[in-house]
Structures are given as C-alpha cells and as structure tokens.
C-alpha cells in the first residue's frame, strides 16, 4: 500500500521556516502552488522586497506556468529537483515538491560555495516533504 501524504498549510509554513534557518543570507522563502498562488512565506524582516505585490504575482504565475511545462519532460529527463538563477540583484533557488515550488531568494553578494551549501542544506527538508 502506498500512502500519499497530503500537505496542509502548517506544513507549508514549516518548510518556509526550516529553510529560512539554513542561512542568514536568505531573503525570502515562498511556497508556490500549482496555479501560482503564494501558499506560505518567510521574509527577512529588515529587508525591503525587490518585487512589488503585482510583480510578485507575475513571478509566481510564471513559476506555475513553467512547472506545468516542465512536467512534459519528466518522463524523458526526470522531474526537476532544483533550479538556480543568478540575477543582477539577487540569486534565486527553486525546489520542487511534487507540483509545488519552494522559491528562495538569496543575497546577491553571497559566494557560490555558500549557495551550494544552502542547496545542500535544503535538500533533506524538501525530500522529507516530497
């Protein structure tokens, strides 16, 4: 018998909180639903958001759209485990938990070895909820 664990909103907040504790350089952690809705979040208190609410909604809608497109390649390439983007003002790492995404923004000036350490620290958390 295979048991499928259904996550509840407390799980979403637990994931955000656990990931936020992996590094002092994490700016934001958000659980993004299949339709692009923000299910839960953590934001480092002293920081001003880089995206306003409208652009944040667009960003999360884009993640949802990409998630749906990526699933078409899962059989051939395997499912996405994580993606890492380097942008001019921030670094972003996105993890997959089934059809949900964990979106993490990290200070830009962090060295790449710290980003890899954050990714390695997040994998057990993500795997626990997958």
Protein backbone atom coordinates (compact mmCIF):
# COMPACT_ATOMS: atom_id res chain seq x y z
CA UNK A 1 0.00 0.00 0.00
CA UNK A 2 1.31 3.42 -0.93
CA UNK A 3 0.37 6.30 1.33
CA UNK A 4 0.27 9.74 -0.20
CA UNK A 5 0.90 12.48 2.34
CA UNK A 6 -1.32 15.50 1.86
CA UNK A 7 0.38 18.67 2.96
CA UNK A 8 -1.56 21.27 4.89
CA UNK A 9 -0.84 24.97 5.33
CA UNK A 10 1.07 24.26 8.56
CA UNK A 11 3.47 22.10 6.52
CA UNK A 12 3.97 24.95 4.06
CA UNK A 13 4.90 27.34 6.87
CA UNK A 14 7.13 24.68 8.46
CA UNK A 15 9.01 24.30 5.17
CA UNK A 16 9.49 28.08 4.89
CA UNK A 17 10.69 28.34 8.49
CA UNK A 18 13.08 25.40 8.25
CA UNK A 19 14.62 26.65 5.00
CA UNK A 20 14.94 30.20 6.34
CA UNK A 21 17.13 28.86 9.15
CA UNK A 22 19.64 27.27 6.78
CA UNK A 23 21.40 30.59 6.08
CA UNK A 24 21.45 34.18 7.27
CA UNK A 25 21.67 35.22 3.60
CA UNK A 26 18.18 34.03 2.70
CA UNK A 27 15.94 37.00 1.93
CA UNK A 28 12.64 35.27 1.16
CA UNK A 29 11.15 31.78 1.06
CA UNK A 30 7.77 31.17 -0.55
CA UNK A 31 5.69 28.05 -1.16
CA UNK A 32 4.11 28.44 -4.59
CA UNK A 33 1.03 26.45 -5.57
CA UNK A 34 0.34 24.81 -8.92
CA UNK A 35 -1.68 27.86 -10.04
CA UNK A 36 0.93 30.39 -8.88
CA UNK A 37 -0.67 31.23 -5.55
CA UNK A 38 1.58 32.07 -2.60
CA UNK A 39 0.69 29.43 0.00
CA UNK A 40 3.11 30.46 2.72
CA UNK A 41 6.16 32.66 3.14
CA UNK A 42 9.08 33.83 5.21
CA UNK A 43 10.66 37.25 4.64
CA UNK A 44 13.76 38.54 6.42
CA UNK A 45 12.36 41.37 8.49
CA UNK A 46 14.88 44.14 7.87
CA UNK A 47 14.80 43.91 4.06
CA UNK A 48 12.73 45.84 1.57
CA UNK A 49 11.16 43.49 -1.01
CA UNK A 50 12.65 43.68 -4.51
CA UNK A 51 9.27 42.90 -6.12
CA UNK A 52 6.04 44.78 -5.50
CA UNK A 53 2.89 42.68 -5.00
CA UNK A 54 1.87 42.88 -8.69
CA UNK A 55 5.29 41.76 -9.95
CA UNK A 56 5.46 39.08 -7.28
CA UNK A 57 2.14 37.70 -8.56
CA UNK A 58 3.54 37.70 -12.11
CA UNK A 59 6.72 35.95 -10.94
CA UNK A 60 4.73 33.22 -9.19
CA UNK A 61 2.37 32.81 -12.17
CA UNK A 62 5.47 32.35 -14.33
CA UNK A 63 6.75 29.67 -11.95
CA UNK A 64 3.41 27.85 -12.17
CA UNK A 65 3.41 28.01 -15.97
CA UNK A 66 7.00 26.75 -16.14
CA UNK A 67 6.18 23.97 -13.67
CA UNK A 68 3.35 22.77 -15.91
CA UNK A 69 5.60 22.91 -19.00
CA UNK A 70 8.45 21.10 -17.24
CA UNK A 71 6.19 18.18 -16.35
CA UNK A 72 6.00 17.36 -20.07
CA UNK A 73 9.71 16.42 -19.95
CA UNK A 74 9.61 14.50 -16.66
CA UNK A 75 9.35 11.10 -18.31
CA UNK A 76 12.37 11.70 -20.56
CA UNK A 77 14.60 13.80 -18.30
CA UNK A 78 13.25 13.05 -14.85
CA UNK A 79 11.47 15.56 -12.63
CA UNK A 80 13.08 18.88 -11.69
CA UNK A 81 14.84 18.78 -8.33
CA UNK A 82 16.03 22.39 -8.20
CA UNK A 83 16.93 25.38 -10.36
CA UNK A 84 19.42 28.15 -9.60
CA UNK A 85 19.24 31.61 -11.18
CA UNK A 86 21.78 34.38 -10.83
CA UNK A 87 20.23 37.77 -11.39
CA UNK A 88 21.70 41.26 -11.16
CA UNK A 89 20.22 41.96 -7.69
CA UNK A 90 19.53 38.55 -6.19
CA UNK A 91 20.12 34.83 -6.53
CA UNK A 92 17.14 32.50 -6.70
CA UNK A 93 16.93 28.80 -5.99
CA UNK A 94 13.71 26.92 -6.68
CA UNK A 95 12.97 23.41 -5.40
CA UNK A 96 10.19 21.06 -6.48
CA UNK A 97 7.88 19.30 -4.05
CA UNK A 98 5.57 17.41 -6.41
CA UNK A 99 3.60 20.12 -8.26
CA UNK A 100 4.54 22.84 -5.73
CA UNK A 101 7.63 25.02 -5.82
CA UNK A 102 9.74 26.40 -2.99
CA UNK A 103 11.09 29.76 -4.18
CA UNK A 104 14.11 31.10 -2.28
CA UNK A 105 15.79 34.45 -2.86
CA UNK A 106 19.30 34.91 -1.53
CA UNK A 107 21.51 37.99 -1.17
CA UNK A 108 23.39 38.68 -4.42
CA UNK A 109 26.84 39.09 -2.91
CA UNK A 110 26.92 35.57 -1.46
CA UNK A 111 29.73 33.43 -2.85
CA UNK A 112 28.78 30.42 -4.91
CA UNK A 113 30.07 27.93 -2.36
CA UNK A 114 27.52 29.35 0.14
CA UNK A 115 24.73 28.95 -2.44
CA UNK A 116 25.76 25.32 -2.87
CA UNK A 117 25.80 24.89 0.92
CA UNK A 118 22.26 26.34 1.09
CA UNK A 119 21.10 23.98 -1.67
CA UNK A 120 22.65 21.00 0.14
CA UNK A 121 21.01 22.07 3.42
CA UNK A 122 17.60 22.44 1.77
CA UNK A 123 17.59 19.05 0.02
CA UNK A 124 16.76 17.00 3.15
CA UNK A 125 13.92 19.38 4.03
CA UNK A 126 12.45 19.22 0.54
CA UNK A 127 12.90 15.44 0.33
CA UNK A 128 11.13 15.00 3.69
CA UNK A 129 8.01 16.72 2.30
CA UNK A 130 8.18 15.18 -1.20
